[in-house]
Amino acid sequence: MRTKLSQFNYNLPESLIAKYPTKERHDSRLMVVHRETGEIEHRVFKDALEYFDEEDVLIFNNTKVFPARMYGRKEKTGARIEVFLLRELNTEARLWDVLVDPARKIRVGNKLYFSDEHDNDRLVAEVVDNTTSRGRTIRFLYDGPDEEFRAELNYLGTTPLPKRIDREAEESDKERFQTVFAKETGAVAAPTAGLHFSRELMKRFEIKGVDFAELTLHIGLGTFRSIDVEDLSKHKMDAEYYKIPEKAVEQVNHAKANNRKICAVGTTSMRAIESSVSAEQMLKASEGWTNKFIYPPHDFKIANSMISNFHLPKSSLLIMVSAFGGPDLIKHAYQVALKEKYRFFSYGDAMLIL
């Protein structure tokens, strides 16, 4: 039987999409879902500690969000244009893959000017290619050293909050739309399950003897792209860069050999590990690009628990969580979450599936 997109639809009131995170990271709510019994518990995120013991492993995605959303103006007309940096194509040539909005005004050869709050131009870019309806390749015209160029991008860019949060980024988002363990710059969105971990909570996990394995998967905008095919076997995911180092492999495989809990913190950690399974069904070190789309039925090889936020209807993230927790149980859990007014999306509450 084919898995259909419409199975993952539900009615999400706009009021339940969290505009801001909780004051303390670890104070968001936590729904605990037990796959074997179907039991659902309502807890607070810091209680997650109670479900893990010595030698269990949490797998974190240590990607770091860069300030990808910039606002420029078009030469001659001065029209305000949003430029969303997707990824760097060539460091020396300063070529970037971007999305522009409104796209119809932006043609090859156009120059875009980026200025500070005092209207001083800080960067200029030229459009060199069209890639998709909204996609462009741009070249930043900057002769200074790379460090200075990156400092300018950081200065001019704003935190790339997803559109559905429906507000401008604020100063506090620089810290809060970033995990406390973020290290490797390259994502245009935070791995949101990780946002609930405060330094204090991580310390308590450490004291309990829980191991942390780190990998990197740079989240691209494909994560938010809507799926437009009913038959999920026909959906193609955008590829995202990932790296699983030897240290993480040792930690995870040791836990697996000893039948410990292995918890993927977030759908991105899960996608990375499921993209790198050896013939012996163990995790292997690898680096590359993954376009793996996980949908039910799927036999998960590495993790036996996962933490994830509450995702939007018909999203690839909800579909993966459903594959892990079981479509019927997750559908039921989401109905409970709506009734109990859990907070949804990037800044919302979390679910622990055991």
Protein backbone atom coordinates (compact mmCIF):
# COMPACT_ATOMS: atom_id res chain seq x y z
CA MET A 1 0.00 0.00 0.00
CA ARG A 2 1.36 3.39 -0.96
CA THR A 3 1.92 6.00 1.75
CA LYS A 4 -0.07 9.09 0.89
CA LEU A 5 0.64 12.72 1.78
CA SER A 6 -2.98 13.35 2.80
CA GLN A 7 -2.57 10.93 5.74
CA PHE A 8 -0.37 13.57 7.39
CA ASN A 9 -2.75 16.48 7.21
CA TYR A 10 -4.40 18.02 10.27
CA ASN A 11 -5.88 21.38 11.16
CA LEU A 12 -3.34 23.55 13.01
CA PRO A 13 -4.74 26.80 14.43
CA GLU A 14 -2.37 29.72 13.79
CA SER A 15 -2.58 30.57 17.50
CA LEU A 16 -0.65 27.39 18.39
CA ILE A 17 2.42 28.30 16.30
CA ALA A 18 4.89 29.64 18.85
CA LYS A 19 6.10 33.16 18.06
CA TYR A 20 8.75 33.13 20.79
CA PRO A 21 10.55 30.43 22.79
CA THR A 22 9.93 29.83 26.50
CA LYS A 23 11.94 32.08 28.86
CA GLU A 24 14.21 29.17 29.83
CA ARG A 25 15.11 26.62 27.16
CA HIS A 26 14.41 23.60 29.38
CA ASP A 27 11.00 24.87 30.53
CA SER A 28 9.15 24.09 27.30
CA ARG A 29 6.62 21.30 27.61
CA LEU A 30 7.52 17.72 26.80
CA MET A 31 5.09 15.10 25.60
CA VAL A 32 6.48 11.62 26.22
CA VAL A 33 5.13 8.96 23.87
CA HIS A 34 5.69 5.27 24.64
CA ARG A 35 5.57 3.21 21.45
CA GLU A 36 5.05 -0.16 23.11
CA THR A 37 2.09 0.79 25.29
CA GLY A 38 0.75 3.86 23.49
CA GLU A 39 0.91 5.74 26.81
CA ILE A 40 1.29 9.53 26.64
CA GLU A 41 2.74 11.60 29.48
CA HIS A 42 2.76 15.39 29.88
CA ARG A 43 6.01 16.65 31.35
CA VAL A 44 8.42 19.60 31.21
CA PHE A 45 11.50 19.31 29.01
CA LYS A 46 14.00 19.19 31.88
CA ASP A 47 12.25 15.97 33.03
CA ALA A 48 13.73 14.26 29.94
CA LEU A 49 16.67 13.51 32.22
CA GLU A 50 14.56 10.89 34.05
CA TYR A 51 14.27 8.72 30.92
CA PHE A 52 18.03 8.27 30.38
CA ASP A 53 20.78 6.48 32.29
CA GLU A 54 24.51 6.00 32.32
CA GLU A 55 25.99 4.96 28.95
CA ASP A 56 22.89 5.99 27.02
CA VAL A 57 23.72 8.30 24.09
CA LEU A 58 22.13 11.50 22.83
CA ILE A 59 23.00 12.34 19.22
CA PHE A 60 23.21 16.09 18.61
CA ASN A 61 23.46 18.02 15.34
CA ASN A 62 26.09 20.69 16.02
CA THR A 63 25.34 22.78 12.92
CA LYS A 64 25.34 26.53 13.46
CA VAL A 65 22.83 28.90 11.88
CA PHE A 66 24.28 31.85 10.00
CA PRO A 67 22.35 35.13 9.56
CA ALA A 68 21.08 34.18 6.12
CA ARG A 69 18.34 36.76 5.56
CA MET A 70 19.55 40.06 4.13
CA TYR A 71 17.72 43.08 2.80
CA GLY A 72 19.17 44.93 -0.17
CA ARG A 73 17.94 47.47 -2.66
CA LYS A 74 17.94 47.27 -6.40
CA GLU A 75 20.09 49.75 -8.32
CA LYS A 76 18.24 52.63 -10.01
CA THR A 77 14.77 51.81 -8.62
CA GLY A 78 15.82 51.42 -4.96
CA ALA A 79 13.18 48.66 -4.51
CA ARG A 80 13.64 46.68 -1.28
CA ILE A 81 14.63 43.09 -2.02
CA GLU A 82 14.95 40.22 0.42
CA VAL A 83 17.99 38.08 -0.34
CA PHE A 84 18.12 34.73 1.45
CA LEU A 85 21.58 33.14 1.36
CA LEU A 86 21.27 29.38 0.79
CA ARG A 87 24.86 28.31 0.36
CA GLU A 88 28.23 29.48 -0.77
CA LEU A 89 29.19 28.07 -4.18
CA ASN A 90 32.72 29.44 -4.50
CA THR A 91 34.64 31.22 -1.75
CA GLU A 92 37.21 32.95 -3.96
CA ALA A 93 34.66 34.21 -6.48
CA ARG A 94 32.20 35.05 -3.64
CA LEU A 95 29.43 33.22 -5.51
CA TRP A 96 26.30 32.34 -3.56
CA ASP A 97 23.11 30.45 -4.20
CA VAL A 98 20.26 32.69 -2.97
CA LEU A 99 16.49 33.17 -3.06
CA VAL A 100 15.17 36.64 -3.86
CA ASP A 101 11.80 38.18 -3.09
CA PRO A 102 10.10 39.70 -5.04
CA ALA A 103 11.77 37.59 -7.70
CA ARG A 104 10.11 39.03 -10.80
CA LYS A 105 12.08 42.28 -10.43
CA ILE A 106 15.49 40.64 -10.28
CA ARG A 107 17.22 39.80 -13.55
CA VAL A 108 20.71 38.72 -14.56
CA GLY A 109 23.00 41.77 -14.58
CA ASN A 110 21.09 43.64 -11.86
CA LYS A 111 23.13 45.04 -8.99
CA LEU A 112 21.92 44.87 -5.39
CA TYR A 113 23.17 47.23 -2.68
CA PHE A 114 23.28 46.34 1.00
CA SER A 115 23.57 49.23 3.41
CA ASP A 116 23.73 49.74 7.17
CA GLU A 117 21.20 51.62 9.30
CA HIS A 118 22.87 54.92 8.33
CA ASP A 119 22.35 54.18 4.61
CA ASN A 120 26.06 53.61 3.99
CA ASP A 121 26.55 50.93 1.33
CA ARG A 122 28.52 48.06 2.85
CA LEU A 123 28.24 45.38 0.14
CA VAL A 124 27.29 45.20 -3.53
CA ALA A 125 26.27 42.04 -5.38
CA GLU A 126 25.59 41.31 -9.02
CA VAL A 127 23.06 38.74 -10.25
CA VAL A 128 24.88 36.30 -12.56
CA ASP A 129 22.36 33.50 -13.12
CA ASN A 130 18.77 32.34 -12.67
CA THR A 131 18.48 28.92 -11.00
CA THR A 132 14.76 28.49 -10.20
CA SER A 133 11.75 30.82 -10.22
CA ARG A 134 12.99 32.51 -7.03
CA GLY A 135 16.56 31.23 -7.07
CA ARG A 136 19.52 33.27 -8.29
CA THR A 137 23.28 33.00 -8.26
CA ILE A 138 24.87 36.23 -7.08
CA ARG A 139 28.47 37.43 -6.89
CA PHE A 140 29.45 39.77 -4.09
CA LEU A 141 31.83 42.42 -5.40
CA TYR A 142 34.25 42.60 -2.49
CA ASP A 143 38.04 42.77 -2.67
CA GLY A 144 38.95 42.60 1.00
CA PRO A 145 40.07 39.51 2.94
CA ASP A 146 37.63 36.67 3.51
CA GLU A 147 37.34 37.33 7.26
CA GLU A 148 36.26 40.92 6.64
CA PHE A 149 33.74 39.80 4.01
CA ARG A 150 32.21 37.30 6.47
CA ALA A 151 32.08 39.97 9.15
CA GLU A 152 30.09 42.16 6.72
CA LEU A 153 27.66 39.29 6.00
CA ASN A 154 27.22 38.75 9.74
CA TYR A 155 26.68 42.45 10.29
CA LEU A 156 24.13 42.87 7.50
CA GLY A 157 22.33 39.54 7.85
CA THR A 158 19.46 38.78 10.21
CA THR A 159 18.45 35.53 11.91
CA PRO A 160 16.56 33.45 9.33
CA LEU A 161 13.36 32.79 11.28
CA PRO A 162 10.99 30.60 9.25
CA LYS A 163 8.21 32.57 7.52
CA ARG A 164 5.48 30.81 9.50
CA ILE A 165 6.69 32.44 12.74
CA ASP A 166 5.43 35.60 11.04
CA ARG A 167 7.52 38.30 12.68
CA GLU A 168 10.79 40.11 12.06
CA ALA A 169 13.87 38.69 13.74
CA GLU A 170 14.91 40.43 16.96
CA GLU A 171 18.22 40.68 18.82
CA SER A 172 17.24 37.82 21.18
CA ASP A 173 16.77 35.45 18.22
CA LYS A 174 20.53 35.51 17.54
CA GLU A 175 20.98 33.47 20.70
CA ARG A 176 17.67 31.60 20.90
CA PHE A 177 17.49 30.37 17.29
CA GLN A 178 20.80 28.62 17.94
CA THR A 179 21.53 25.55 20.05
CA VAL A 180 23.98 25.93 22.94
CA PHE A 181 26.18 23.26 21.30
CA ALA A 182 26.27 24.86 17.80
CA LYS A 183 29.80 24.78 16.34
CA GLU A 184 29.89 24.24 12.57
CA THR A 185 28.49 27.19 10.59
CA GLY A 186 26.34 26.34 7.59
CA ALA A 187 22.63 26.01 8.42
CA VAL A 188 19.79 28.32 7.38
CA ALA A 189 17.57 26.97 10.17
CA ALA A 190 18.21 25.63 13.65
CA PRO A 191 17.89 21.93 14.47
CA THR A 192 14.94 22.82 16.66
CA ALA A 193 14.79 19.76 18.95
CA GLY A 194 18.19 20.85 20.25
CA LEU A 195 16.91 24.31 21.24
CA HIS A 196 15.40 22.86 24.44
CA PHE A 197 18.78 21.87 25.88
CA SER A 198 20.17 24.49 28.25
CA ARG A 199 23.78 24.37 29.45
CA GLU A 200 22.48 23.50 32.91
CA LEU A 201 20.41 20.57 31.62
CA MET A 202 23.31 19.24 29.55
CA LYS A 203 25.49 19.37 32.67
CA ARG A 204 22.91 17.27 34.52
CA PHE A 205 22.88 14.70 31.70
CA GLU A 206 26.68 14.59 31.88
CA ILE A 207 26.67 14.08 35.64
CA LYS A 208 24.26 11.18 35.14
CA GLY A 209 26.77 9.57 32.77
CA VAL A 210 24.81 10.07 29.54
CA ASP A 211 27.11 10.33 26.51
CA PHE A 212 26.83 13.06 23.83
CA ALA A 213 27.65 12.13 20.23
CA GLU A 214 27.97 15.05 17.80
CA LEU A 215 27.47 15.06 14.07
CA THR A 216 26.84 17.84 11.57
CA LEU A 217 24.01 18.24 9.09
CA HIS A 218 23.62 21.68 7.54
CA ILE A 219 19.90 22.35 7.27
CA GLY A 220 18.86 23.91 3.99
CA LEU A 221 15.53 25.42 3.00
CA GLY A 222 14.46 22.07 1.56
CA THR A 223 13.47 21.19 5.11
CA PHE A 224 10.58 23.65 4.80
CA ARG A 225 9.70 22.97 1.17
CA SER A 226 6.14 21.76 0.78
CA ILE A 227 5.61 18.28 -0.62
CA ASP A 228 3.46 18.44 -3.73
CA VAL A 229 3.02 14.76 -4.61
CA GLU A 230 0.35 12.56 -3.04
CA ASP A 231 2.43 9.40 -3.50
CA LEU A 232 5.35 9.89 -1.10
CA SER A 233 7.58 7.43 -2.96
CA LYS A 234 7.78 10.08 -5.70
CA HIS A 235 8.95 12.97 -3.48
CA LYS A 236 12.54 14.15 -3.94
CA MET A 237 14.29 15.84 -1.02
CA ASP A 238 16.89 18.58 -1.47
CA ALA A 239 20.37 17.28 -0.63
CA GLU A 240 22.02 18.54 2.56
CA TYR A 241 25.66 18.29 3.59
CA TYR A 242 26.42 16.04 6.56
CA LYS A 243 29.44 14.68 8.41
CA ILE A 244 29.56 11.86 10.96
CA PRO A 245 32.98 11.76 12.67
CA GLU A 246 34.71 8.64 13.97
CA LYS A 247 34.21 9.69 17.61
CA ALA A 248 30.41 9.75 17.25
CA VAL A 249 30.51 6.36 15.53
CA GLU A 250 32.45 4.84 18.44
CA GLN A 251 30.05 6.29 21.02
CA VAL A 252 26.91 5.19 19.19
CA ASN A 253 28.11 1.71 18.26
CA HIS A 254 29.33 1.07 21.81
CA ALA A 255 25.83 1.95 23.08
CA LYS A 256 24.24 -0.20 20.37
CA ALA A 257 26.41 -3.22 21.23
CA ASN A 258 25.37 -2.85 24.88
CA ASN A 259 21.64 -2.38 24.18
CA ARG A 260 21.62 1.15 25.57
CA LYS A 261 19.21 3.94 24.64
CA ILE A 262 20.33 5.83 21.56
CA CYS A 263 18.35 9.02 21.14
CA ALA A 264 18.40 11.06 17.94
CA VAL A 265 17.89 14.67 19.01
CA GLY A 266 15.90 15.99 16.07
CA THR A 267 14.92 14.83 12.60
CA THR A 268 18.23 16.11 11.17
CA SER A 269 20.30 13.87 13.48
CA MET A 270 18.02 10.98 12.52
CA ARG A 271 18.41 11.67 8.80
CA ALA A 272 22.18 11.82 9.07
CA ILE A 273 22.55 8.51 10.94
CA GLU A 274 20.04 6.72 8.71
CA SER A 275 22.11 7.92 5.74
CA SER A 276 25.22 6.21 7.08
CA VAL A 277 24.49 2.60 8.08
CA SER A 278 27.01 -0.18 7.48
CA ALA A 279 26.23 -3.65 6.11
CA GLU A 280 26.35 -4.89 9.72
CA GLN A 281 23.59 -2.38 10.63
CA MET A 282 25.99 -0.21 12.63
CA LEU A 283 26.76 3.49 12.25
CA LYS A 284 29.72 4.31 10.01
CA ALA A 285 31.81 7.47 9.66
CA SER A 286 31.01 9.38 6.49
CA GLU A 287 30.83 12.80 4.91
CA GLY A 288 28.83 13.90 1.91
CA TRP A 289 25.35 14.95 0.83
CA THR A 290 22.14 13.19 1.76
CA ASN A 291 18.74 13.50 0.12
CA LYS A 292 17.24 10.66 2.14
CA PHE A 293 13.48 11.01 2.61
CA ILE A 294 12.19 8.91 5.49
CA TYR A 295 8.51 7.97 5.37
CA PRO A 296 6.45 5.04 6.71
CA PRO A 297 7.09 2.17 6.67
CA HIS A 298 10.78 2.58 7.52
CA ASP A 299 13.07 0.27 9.45
CA PHE A 300 15.22 2.49 11.67
CA LYS A 301 18.67 0.96 12.14
CA ILE A 302 20.48 3.06 14.75
CA ALA A 303 18.35 5.13 17.15
CA ASN A 304 15.71 3.59 19.43
CA SER A 305 14.33 6.90 20.73
CA MET A 306 14.05 10.42 19.41
CA ILE A 307 13.24 13.98 20.44
CA SER A 308 11.43 16.24 18.01
CA ASN A 309 9.30 19.38 17.97
CA PHE A 310 5.67 19.48 16.85
CA HIS A 311 5.72 19.89 13.09
CA LEU A 312 3.48 21.47 10.48
CA PRO A 313 0.86 19.44 8.59
CA LYS A 314 2.10 17.50 5.55
CA SER A 315 5.76 18.34 6.31
CA SER A 316 8.62 15.90 5.69
CA LEU A 317 9.47 16.28 9.41
CA LEU A 318 6.03 15.13 10.60
CA ILE A 319 6.23 12.25 8.12
CA MET A 320 9.59 11.10 9.52
CA VAL A 321 8.36 11.32 13.12
CA SER A 322 5.30 9.28 12.09
CA ALA A 323 7.58 6.66 10.54
CA PHE A 324 9.46 6.39 13.84
CA GLY A 325 6.55 6.52 16.29
CA GLY A 326 4.02 4.75 14.07
CA PRO A 327 1.52 6.79 11.99
CA ASP A 328 -1.54 5.96 14.12
CA LEU A 329 0.13 6.68 17.45
CA ILE A 330 1.68 9.96 16.25
CA LYS A 331 -1.65 11.04 14.72
CA HIS A 332 -3.29 10.40 18.09
CA ALA A 333 -0.46 12.21 19.95
CA TYR A 334 -0.90 15.27 17.71
CA GLN A 335 -4.64 15.33 18.39
CA VAL A 336 -3.84 15.27 22.12
CA ALA A 337 -1.26 18.06 21.61
CA LEU A 338 -3.85 20.24 19.86
CA LYS A 339 -6.40 19.61 22.62
CA GLU A 340 -3.81 20.35 25.35
CA LYS A 341 -2.64 23.44 23.46
CA TYR A 342 0.98 22.45 23.05
CA ARG A 343 3.05 25.02 21.15
CA PHE A 344 4.02 24.03 17.61
CA PHE A 345 6.88 24.60 15.18
CA SER A 346 10.47 25.85 15.60
CA TYR A 347 10.01 27.72 18.88
CA GLY A 348 7.37 25.32 20.20
CA ASP A 349 7.33 22.36 22.60
CA ALA A 350 8.95 18.94 22.25
CA MET A 351 8.04 15.28 22.01
CA LEU A 352 10.16 12.38 23.28
CA ILE A 353 9.36 9.08 21.59
CA LEU A 354 10.57 6.00 23.44
